[in-house]
Amino acid sequence: MGLSWYHVHTIVLNDLGRLLSVYIMHTTLVVGWAGSMAQYELAVFGPSDPVLDPMWRHDLYGPGIWVSDPYGLTGKEQPVNPVWGM
C-alpha cells in the first residue's frame, strides 16, 4: 500500500537534505507552472476578443489594473486618475 503521509513527513522533516530537496523541487514546480501559464495567457492574448481571453476575464489587463498600454508600444500613458472618473 505504501507509506502513510505522516510517516513520509516525519522522514522528510528529520532529514535536512531531503527537506531542502523537497522544498527546492516544490518551488521549481510551482514557478515553472506559473511561468508556463503566464506564457500561455500572453500567447493567446487579444484585446479585441474579451470573451475568450483569460487575462480579460481575470482583470489582468485593461481597466481592472488601469493599464492601456502595458509595454509602452504606442507611447501612450494612462494617467493614475482614469479618464472614466473613478
PDB file of N, CA and C in Angstrom:
ATOM      1  N   MET A   1       0.816  -1.198   0.000  1.00  0.00           N
ATOM      2  CA  MET A   1       0.000   0.000   0.000  1.00  0.00           C
ATOM      3  C   MET A   1       0.858   1.260   0.000  1.00  0.00           C
ATOM      4  N   GLY A   2       2.021   1.187   0.589  1.00  0.00           N
ATOM      5  CA  GLY A   2       2.890   2.351   0.615  1.00  0.00           C
ATOM      6  C   GLY A   2       2.945   2.977   1.993  1.00  0.00           C
ATOM      7  N   LEU A   3       3.741   4.003   2.098  1.00  0.00           N
ATOM      8  CA  LEU A   3       3.883   4.694   3.372  1.00  0.00           C
ATOM      9  C   LEU A   3       2.762   5.705   3.559  1.00  0.00           C
ATOM     10  N   SER A   4       2.329   5.853   4.798  1.00  0.00           N
ATOM     11  CA  SER A   4       1.298   6.853   5.076  1.00  0.00           C
ATOM     12  C   SER A   4       1.909   8.249   5.018  1.00  0.00           C
ATOM     13  N   TRP A   5       1.072   9.246   4.854  1.00  0.00           N
ATOM     14  CA  TRP A   5       1.568  10.612   4.656  1.00  0.00           C
ATOM     15  C   TRP A   5       2.329  11.113   5.874  1.00  0.00           C
ATOM     16  N   TYR A   6       1.886  10.751   7.093  1.00  0.00           N
ATOM     17  CA  TYR A   6       2.579  11.248   8.280  1.00  0.00           C
ATOM     18  C   TYR A   6       3.942  10.583   8.450  1.00  0.00           C
ATOM     19  N   HIS A   7       4.070   9.340   7.994  1.00  0.00           N
ATOM     20  CA  HIS A   7       5.366   8.672   8.055  1.00  0.00           C
ATOM     21  C   HIS A   7       6.357   9.335   7.093  1.00  0.00           C
ATOM     22  N   VAL A   8       5.889   9.648   5.900  1.00  0.00           N
ATOM     23  CA  VAL A   8       6.747  10.319   4.915  1.00  0.00           C
ATOM     24  C   VAL A   8       7.143  11.701   5.424  1.00  0.00           C
ATOM     25  N   HIS A   9       6.200  12.449   6.005  1.00  0.00           N
ATOM     26  CA  HIS A   9       6.521  13.781   6.522  1.00  0.00           C
ATOM     27  C   HIS A   9       7.532  13.701   7.658  1.00  0.00           C
ATOM     28  N   THR A  10       7.430  12.685   8.503  1.00  0.00           N
ATOM     29  CA  THR A  10       8.393  12.518   9.592  1.00  0.00           C
ATOM     30  C   THR A  10       9.784  12.246   9.039  1.00  0.00           C
ATOM     31  N   ILE A  11       9.875  11.419   8.022  1.00  0.00           N
ATOM     32  CA  ILE A  11      11.172  11.121   7.407  1.00  0.00           C
ATOM     33  C   ILE A  11      11.768  12.381   6.789  1.00  0.00           C
ATOM     34  N   VAL A  12      10.943  13.144   6.065  1.00  0.00           N
ATOM     35  CA  VAL A  12      11.436  14.345   5.385  1.00  0.00           C
ATOM     36  C   VAL A  12      11.841  15.412   6.397  1.00  0.00           C
ATOM     37  N   LEU A  13      11.040  15.611   7.439  1.00  0.00           N
ATOM     38  CA  LEU A  13      11.342  16.652   8.422  1.00  0.00           C
ATOM     39  C   LEU A  13      12.577  16.333   9.255  1.00  0.00           C
ATOM     40  N   ASN A  14      12.886  15.065   9.446  1.00  0.00           N
ATOM     41  CA  ASN A  14      14.042  14.692  10.262  1.00  0.00           C
ATOM     42  C   ASN A  14      15.338  14.624   9.458  1.00  0.00           C
ATOM     43  N   ASP A  15      15.277  14.806   8.177  1.00  0.00           N
ATOM     44  CA  ASP A  15      16.472  14.764   7.335  1.00  0.00           C
ATOM     45  C   ASP A  15      16.572  16.093   6.592  1.00  0.00           C
ATOM     46  N   LEU A  16      17.533  16.922   6.977  1.00  0.00           N
ATOM     47  CA  LEU A  16      17.641  18.265   6.410  1.00  0.00           C
ATOM     48  C   LEU A  16      17.885  18.240   4.904  1.00  0.00           C
ATOM     49  N   GLY A  17      18.669  17.291   4.423  1.00  0.00           N
ATOM     50  CA  GLY A  17      18.936  17.203   2.989  1.00  0.00           C
ATOM     51  C   GLY A  17      17.685  16.902   2.186  1.00  0.00           C
ATOM     52  N   ARG A  18      16.874  15.985   2.688  1.00  0.00           N
ATOM     53  CA  ARG A  18      15.618  15.669   1.999  1.00  0.00           C
ATOM     54  C   ARG A  18      14.645  16.838   2.068  1.00  0.00           C
ATOM     55  N   LEU A  19      14.587  17.486   3.234  1.00  0.00           N
ATOM     56  CA  LEU A  19      13.688  18.627   3.383  1.00  0.00           C
ATOM     57  C   LEU A  19      14.052  19.726   2.391  1.00  0.00           C
ATOM     58  N   LEU A  20      15.333  20.017   2.271  1.00  0.00           N
ATOM     59  CA  LEU A  20      15.772  21.048   1.334  1.00  0.00           C
ATOM     60  C   LEU A  20      15.488  20.642  -0.108  1.00  0.00           C
ATOM     61  N   SER A  21      15.721  19.384  -0.446  1.00  0.00           N
ATOM     62  CA  SER A  21      15.472  18.953  -1.824  1.00  0.00           C
ATOM     63  C   SER A  21      13.984  18.960  -2.152  1.00  0.00           C
ATOM     64  N   VAL A  22      13.127  18.577  -1.196  1.00  0.00           N
ATOM     65  CA  VAL A  22      11.682  18.621  -1.429  1.00  0.00           C
ATOM     66  C   VAL A  22      11.225  20.064  -1.594  1.00  0.00           C
ATOM     67  N   TYR A  23      11.766  20.971  -0.775  1.00  0.00           N
ATOM     68  CA  TYR A  23      11.420  22.391  -0.876  1.00  0.00           C
ATOM     69  C   TYR A  23      11.821  22.955  -2.237  1.00  0.00           C
ATOM     70  N   ILE A  24      13.033  22.661  -2.670  1.00  0.00           N
ATOM     71  CA  ILE A  24      13.514  23.170  -3.964  1.00  0.00           C
ATOM     72  C   ILE A  24      12.697  22.574  -5.105  1.00  0.00           C
ATOM     73  N   MET A  25      12.378  21.288  -5.024  1.00  0.00           N
ATOM     74  CA  MET A  25      11.588  20.653  -6.077  1.00  0.00           C
ATOM     75  C   MET A  25      10.184  21.261  -6.142  1.00  0.00           C
ATOM     76  N   HIS A  26       9.562  21.483  -4.993  1.00  0.00           N
ATOM     77  CA  HIS A  26       8.220  22.067  -4.968  1.00  0.00           C
ATOM     78  C   HIS A  26       8.243  23.490  -5.513  1.00  0.00           C
ATOM     79  N   THR A  27       9.228  24.280  -5.101  1.00  0.00           N
ATOM     80  CA  THR A  27       9.340  25.653  -5.597  1.00  0.00           C
ATOM     81  C   THR A  27       9.545  25.672  -7.105  1.00  0.00           C
ATOM     82  N   THR A  28      10.373  24.776  -7.607  1.00  0.00           N
ATOM     83  CA  THR A  28      10.614  24.700  -9.044  1.00  0.00           C
ATOM     84  C   THR A  28       9.343  24.341  -9.803  1.00  0.00           C
ATOM     85  N   LEU A  29       8.577  23.396  -9.282  1.00  0.00           N
ATOM     86  CA  LEU A  29       7.329  23.013  -9.947  1.00  0.00           C
ATOM     87  C   LEU A  29       6.322  24.159  -9.961  1.00  0.00           C
ATOM     88  N   VAL A  30       6.182  24.861  -8.847  1.00  0.00           N
ATOM     89  CA  VAL A  30       5.218  25.961  -8.773  1.00  0.00           C
ATOM     90  C   VAL A  30       5.630  27.106  -9.688  1.00  0.00           C
ATOM     91  N   VAL A  31       6.899  27.479  -9.659  1.00  0.00           N
ATOM     92  CA  VAL A  31       7.374  28.574 -10.510  1.00  0.00           C
ATOM     93  C   VAL A  31       7.287  28.189 -11.981  1.00  0.00           C
ATOM     94  N   GLY A  32       7.616  26.953 -12.304  1.00  0.00           N
ATOM     95  CA  GLY A  32       7.503  26.503 -13.694  1.00  0.00           C
ATOM     96  C   GLY A  32       6.075  26.520 -14.189  1.00  0.00           C
ATOM     97  N   TRP A  33       5.149  26.065 -13.344  1.00  0.00           N
ATOM     98  CA  TRP A  33       3.737  26.075 -13.730  1.00  0.00           C
ATOM     99  C   TRP A  33       3.240  27.507 -13.909  1.00  0.00           C
ATOM    100  N   ALA A  34       3.558  28.393 -12.965  1.00  0.00           N
ATOM    101  CA  ALA A  34       3.100  29.782 -13.065  1.00  0.00           C
ATOM    102  C   ALA A  34       3.695  30.459 -14.296  1.00  0.00           C
ATOM    103  N   GLY A  35       4.958  30.196 -14.582  1.00  0.00           N
ATOM    104  CA  GLY A  35       5.581  30.779 -15.765  1.00  0.00           C
ATOM    105  C   GLY A  35       4.970  30.273 -17.053  1.00  0.00           C
ATOM    106  N   SER A  36       4.672  28.983 -17.100  1.00  0.00           N
ATOM    107  CA  SER A  36       4.069  28.448 -18.323  1.00  0.00           C
ATOM    108  C   SER A  36       2.653  28.978 -18.518  1.00  0.00           C
ATOM    109  N   MET A  37       1.903  29.157 -17.435  1.00  0.00           N
ATOM    110  CA  MET A  37       0.554  29.724 -17.555  1.00  0.00           C
ATOM    111  C   MET A  37       0.616  31.188 -18.004  1.00  0.00           C
ATOM    112  N   ALA A  38       1.593  31.932 -17.482  1.00  0.00           N
ATOM    113  CA  ALA A  38       1.749  33.324 -17.907  1.00  0.00           C
ATOM    114  C   ALA A  38       2.119  33.394 -19.385  1.00  0.00           C
ATOM    115  N   GLN A  39       3.013  32.523 -19.827  1.00  0.00           N
ATOM    116  CA  GLN A  39       3.389  32.497 -21.240  1.00  0.00           C
ATOM    117  C   GLN A  39       2.195  32.121 -22.117  1.00  0.00           C
ATOM    118  N   TYR A  40       1.400  31.161 -21.665  1.00  0.00           N
ATOM    119  CA  TYR A  40       0.218  30.762 -22.429  1.00  0.00           C
ATOM    120  C   TYR A  40      -0.772  31.918 -22.540  1.00  0.00           C
ATOM    121  N   GLU A  41      -1.038  32.597 -21.422  1.00  0.00           N
ATOM    122  CA  GLU A  41      -2.005  33.689 -21.468  1.00  0.00           C
ATOM    123  C   GLU A  41      -1.508  34.841 -22.329  1.00  0.00           C
ATOM    124  N   LEU A  42      -0.206  35.099 -22.316  1.00  0.00           N
ATOM    125  CA  LEU A  42       0.324  36.136 -23.200  1.00  0.00           C
ATOM    126  C   LEU A  42       0.266  35.701 -24.657  1.00  0.00           C
ATOM    127  N   ALA A  43       0.408  34.401 -24.909  1.00  0.00           N
ATOM    128  CA  ALA A  43       0.379  33.908 -26.288  1.00  0.00           C
ATOM    129  C   ALA A  43      -1.013  34.002 -26.891  1.00  0.00           C
ATOM    130  N   VAL A  44      -2.049  33.769 -26.094  1.00  0.00           N
ATOM    131  CA  VAL A  44      -3.408  33.793 -26.630  1.00  0.00           C
ATOM    132  C   VAL A  44      -4.098  35.133 -26.408  1.00  0.00           C
ATOM    133  N   PHE A  45      -3.375  36.103 -25.847  1.00  0.00           N
ATOM    134  CA  PHE A  45      -3.990  37.384 -25.515  1.00  0.00           C
ATOM    135  C   PHE A  45      -4.359  38.168 -26.765  1.00  0.00           C
ATOM    136  N   GLY A  46      -5.576  38.661 -26.781  1.00  0.00           N
ATOM    137  CA  GLY A  46      -6.031  39.540 -27.847  1.00  0.00           C
ATOM    138  C   GLY A  46      -7.034  40.529 -27.272  1.00  0.00           C
ATOM    139  N   PRO A  47      -6.684  41.807 -27.166  1.00  0.00           N
ATOM    140  CA  PRO A  47      -7.598  42.756 -26.533  1.00  0.00           C
ATOM    141  C   PRO A  47      -8.904  42.939 -27.287  1.00  0.00           C
ATOM    142  N   SER A  48      -8.946  42.551 -28.552  1.00  0.00           N
ATOM    143  CA  SER A  48     -10.184  42.695 -29.313  1.00  0.00           C
ATOM    144  C   SER A  48     -11.148  41.535 -29.069  1.00  0.00           C
ATOM    145  N   ASP A  49     -10.729  40.503 -28.365  1.00  0.00           N
ATOM    146  CA  ASP A  49     -11.578  39.341 -28.094  1.00  0.00           C
ATOM    147  C   ASP A  49     -11.708  39.129 -26.587  1.00  0.00           C
ATOM    148  N   PRO A  50     -12.533  39.922 -25.899  1.00  0.00           N
ATOM    149  CA  PRO A  50     -12.597  39.837 -24.437  1.00  0.00           C
ATOM    150  C   PRO A  50     -13.301  38.592 -23.906  1.00  0.00           C
ATOM    151  N   VAL A  51     -14.061  37.886 -24.736  1.00  0.00           N
ATOM    152  CA  VAL A  51     -14.811  36.733 -24.238  1.00  0.00           C
ATOM    153  C   VAL A  51     -13.900  35.535 -24.013  1.00  0.00           C
ATOM    154  N   LEU A  52     -13.037  35.249 -24.966  1.00  0.00           N
ATOM    155  CA  LEU A  52     -12.187  34.070 -24.874  1.00  0.00           C
ATOM    156  C   LEU A  52     -10.835  34.347 -24.242  1.00  0.00           C
ATOM    157  N   ASP A  53     -10.583  35.570 -23.861  1.00  0.00           N
ATOM    158  CA  ASP A  53      -9.272  35.946 -23.365  1.00  0.00           C
ATOM    159  C   ASP A  53      -9.185  35.766 -21.852  1.00  0.00           C
ATOM    160  N   PRO A  54      -8.330  34.864 -21.358  1.00  0.00           N
ATOM    161  CA  PRO A  54      -8.239  34.635 -19.913  1.00  0.00           C
ATOM    162  C   PRO A  54      -7.779  35.860 -19.139  1.00  0.00           C
ATOM    163  N   MET A  55      -6.885  36.679 -19.703  1.00  0.00           N
ATOM    164  CA  MET A  55      -6.399  37.844 -18.971  1.00  0.00           C
ATOM    165  C   MET A  55      -7.516  38.863 -18.779  1.00  0.00           C
ATOM    166  N   TRP A  56      -8.405  38.975 -19.730  1.00  0.00           N
ATOM    167  CA  TRP A  56      -9.508  39.916 -19.610  1.00  0.00           C
ATOM    168  C   TRP A  56     -10.489  39.447 -18.538  1.00  0.00           C
ATOM    169  N   ARG A  57     -10.774  38.142 -18.512  1.00  0.00           N
ATOM    170  CA  ARG A  57     -11.733  37.610 -17.536  1.00  0.00           C
ATOM    171  C   ARG A  57     -11.252  37.782 -16.106  1.00  0.00           C
ATOM    172  N   HIS A  58      -9.954  37.747 -15.883  1.00  0.00           N
ATOM    173  CA  HIS A  58      -9.416  37.856 -14.531  1.00  0.00           C
ATOM    174  C   HIS A  58      -8.957  39.270 -14.204  1.00  0.00           C
ATOM    175  N   ASP A  59      -9.321  40.240 -15.017  1.00  0.00           N
ATOM    176  CA  ASP A  59      -8.943  41.644 -14.811  1.00  0.00           C
ATOM    177  C   ASP A  59      -7.434  41.840 -14.723  1.00  0.00           C
ATOM    178  N   LEU A  60      -6.679  41.100 -15.522  1.00  0.00           N
ATOM    179  CA  LEU A  60      -5.238  41.283 -15.537  1.00  0.00           C
ATOM    180  C   LEU A  60      -4.810  42.292 -16.596  1.00  0.00           C
ATOM    181  N   TYR A  61      -5.749  42.817 -17.316  1.00  0.00           N
ATOM    182  CA  TYR A  61      -5.432  43.761 -18.383  1.00  0.00           C
ATOM    183  C   TYR A  61      -6.586  44.738 -18.508  1.00  0.00           C
ATOM    184  N   GLY A  62      -6.286  45.932 -18.924  1.00  0.00           N
ATOM    185  CA  GLY A  62      -7.330  46.922 -19.162  1.00  0.00           C
ATOM    186  C   GLY A  62      -7.732  47.666 -17.908  1.00  0.00           C
ATOM    187  N   PRO A  63      -8.993  48.073 -17.811  1.00  0.00           N
ATOM    188  CA  PRO A  63      -9.430  48.911 -16.690  1.00  0.00           C
ATOM    189  C   PRO A  63      -9.275  48.255 -15.324  1.00  0.00           C
ATOM    190  N   GLY A  64      -9.163  46.940 -15.273  1.00  0.00           N
ATOM    191  CA  GLY A  64      -9.006  46.274 -13.988  1.00  0.00           C
ATOM    192  C   GLY A  64      -7.775  46.726 -13.233  1.00  0.00           C
ATOM    193  N   ILE A  65      -6.659  46.979 -13.945  1.00  0.00           N
ATOM    194  CA  ILE A  65      -5.459  47.479 -13.287  1.00  0.00           C
ATOM    195  C   ILE A  65      -4.996  48.796 -13.907  1.00  0.00           C
ATOM    196  N   TRP A  66      -5.850  49.436 -14.662  1.00  0.00           N
ATOM    197  CA  TRP A  66      -5.594  50.749 -15.264  1.00  0.00           C
ATOM    198  C   TRP A  66      -4.375  50.758 -16.174  1.00  0.00           C
ATOM    199  N   VAL A  67      -4.235  49.746 -16.989  1.00  0.00           N
ATOM    200  CA  VAL A  67      -3.136  49.706 -17.944  1.00  0.00           C
ATOM    201  C   VAL A  67      -3.734  49.611 -19.333  1.00  0.00           C
ATOM    202  N   SER A  68      -3.469  50.607 -20.153  1.00  0.00           N
ATOM    203  CA  SER A  68      -3.979  50.550 -21.513  1.00  0.00           C
ATOM    204  C   SER A  68      -2.884  50.187 -22.505  1.00  0.00           C
ATOM    205  N   ASP A  69      -1.632  50.425 -22.139  1.00  0.00           N
ATOM    206  CA  ASP A  69      -0.503  50.091 -22.999  1.00  0.00           C
ATOM    207  C   ASP A  69       0.615  49.558 -22.097  1.00  0.00           C
ATOM    208  N   PRO A  70       0.554  48.274 -21.700  1.00  0.00           N
ATOM    209  CA  PRO A  70       1.431  47.786 -20.646  1.00  0.00           C
ATOM    210  C   PRO A  70       2.913  47.798 -20.988  1.00  0.00           C
ATOM    211  N   TYR A  71       3.261  47.687 -22.248  1.00  0.00           N
ATOM    212  CA  TYR A  71       4.672  47.617 -22.601  1.00  0.00           C
ATOM    213  C   TYR A  71       5.177  48.887 -23.266  1.00  0.00           C
ATOM    214  N   GLY A  72       4.367  49.926 -23.313  1.00  0.00           N
ATOM    215  CA  GLY A  72       4.792  51.187 -23.892  1.00  0.00           C
ATOM    216  C   GLY A  72       5.001  51.121 -25.390  1.00  0.00           C
ATOM    217  N   LEU A  73       4.272  50.250 -26.078  1.00  0.00           N
ATOM    218  CA  LEU A  73       4.485  50.076 -27.511  1.00  0.00           C
ATOM    219  C   LEU A  73       3.960  51.256 -28.315  1.00  0.00           C
ATOM    220  N   THR A  74       2.886  51.883 -27.839  1.00  0.00           N
ATOM    221  CA  THR A  74       2.322  53.000 -28.592  1.00  0.00           C
ATOM    222  C   THR A  74       2.787  54.345 -28.058  1.00  0.00           C
ATOM    223  N   GLY A  75       3.468  54.352 -26.918  1.00  0.00           N
ATOM    224  CA  GLY A  75       3.936  55.604 -26.341  1.00  0.00           C
ATOM    225  C   GLY A  75       2.853  56.366 -25.601  1.00  0.00           C
ATOM    226  N   LYS A  76       1.680  55.758 -25.440  1.00  0.00           N
ATOM    227  CA  LYS A  76       0.576  56.412 -24.752  1.00  0.00           C
ATOM    228  C   LYS A  76       0.609  56.050 -23.272  1.00  0.00           C
ATOM    229  N   GLU A  77       0.491  57.048 -22.392  1.00  0.00           N
ATOM    230  CA  GLU A  77       0.495  56.794 -20.956  1.00  0.00           C
ATOM    231  C   GLU A  77      -0.906  56.902 -20.398  1.00  0.00           C
ATOM    232  N   GLN A  78      -1.247  55.988 -19.508  1.00  0.00           N
ATOM    233  CA  GLN A  78      -2.531  56.054 -18.813  1.00  0.00           C
ATOM    234  C   GLN A  78      -2.314  56.818 -17.511  1.00  0.00           C
ATOM    235  N   PRO A  79      -3.066  57.884 -17.271  1.00  0.00           N
ATOM    236  CA  PRO A  79      -2.884  58.628 -16.021  1.00  0.00           C
ATOM    237  C   PRO A  79      -3.339  57.802 -14.821  1.00  0.00           C
ATOM    238  N   VAL A  80      -2.834  58.185 -13.642  1.00  0.00           N
ATOM    239  CA  VAL A  80      -3.230  57.481 -12.430  1.00  0.00           C
ATOM    240  C   VAL A  80      -4.713  57.690 -12.174  1.00  0.00           C
ATOM    241  N   ASN A  81      -5.213  58.876 -12.440  1.00  0.00           N
ATOM    242  CA  ASN A  81      -6.639  59.153 -12.358  1.00  0.00           C
ATOM    243  C   ASN A  81      -7.242  58.801 -13.708  1.00  0.00           C
ATOM    244  N   PRO A  82      -7.992  57.727 -13.814  1.00  0.00           N
ATOM    245  CA  PRO A  82      -8.507  57.332 -15.120  1.00  0.00           C
ATOM    246  C   PRO A  82      -9.503  58.341 -15.678  1.00  0.00           C
ATOM    247  N   VAL A  83      -9.594  58.377 -16.984  1.00  0.00           N
ATOM    248  CA  VAL A  83     -10.458  59.352 -17.647  1.00  0.00           C
ATOM    249  C   VAL A  83     -11.925  59.034 -17.450  1.00  0.00           C
ATOM    250  N   TRP A  84     -12.276  57.787 -17.047  1.00  0.00           N
ATOM    251  CA  TRP A  84     -13.677  57.448 -16.891  1.00  0.00           C
ATOM    252  C   TRP A  84     -14.205  57.837 -15.512  1.00  0.00           C
ATOM    253  N   GLY A  85     -13.385  58.485 -14.668  1.00  0.00           N
ATOM    254  CA  GLY A  85     -13.851  59.119 -13.451  1.00  0.00           C
ATOM    255  C   GLY A  85     -14.061  58.227 -12.250  1.00  0.00           C
ATOM    256  N   MET A  86     -13.137  57.340 -11.970  1.00  0.00           N
ATOM    257  CA  MET A  86     -13.269  56.510 -10.762  1.00  0.00           C
ATOM    258  C   MET A  86     -12.616  57.202  -9.594  1.00  0.00           C
TER     259      MET A  86
END
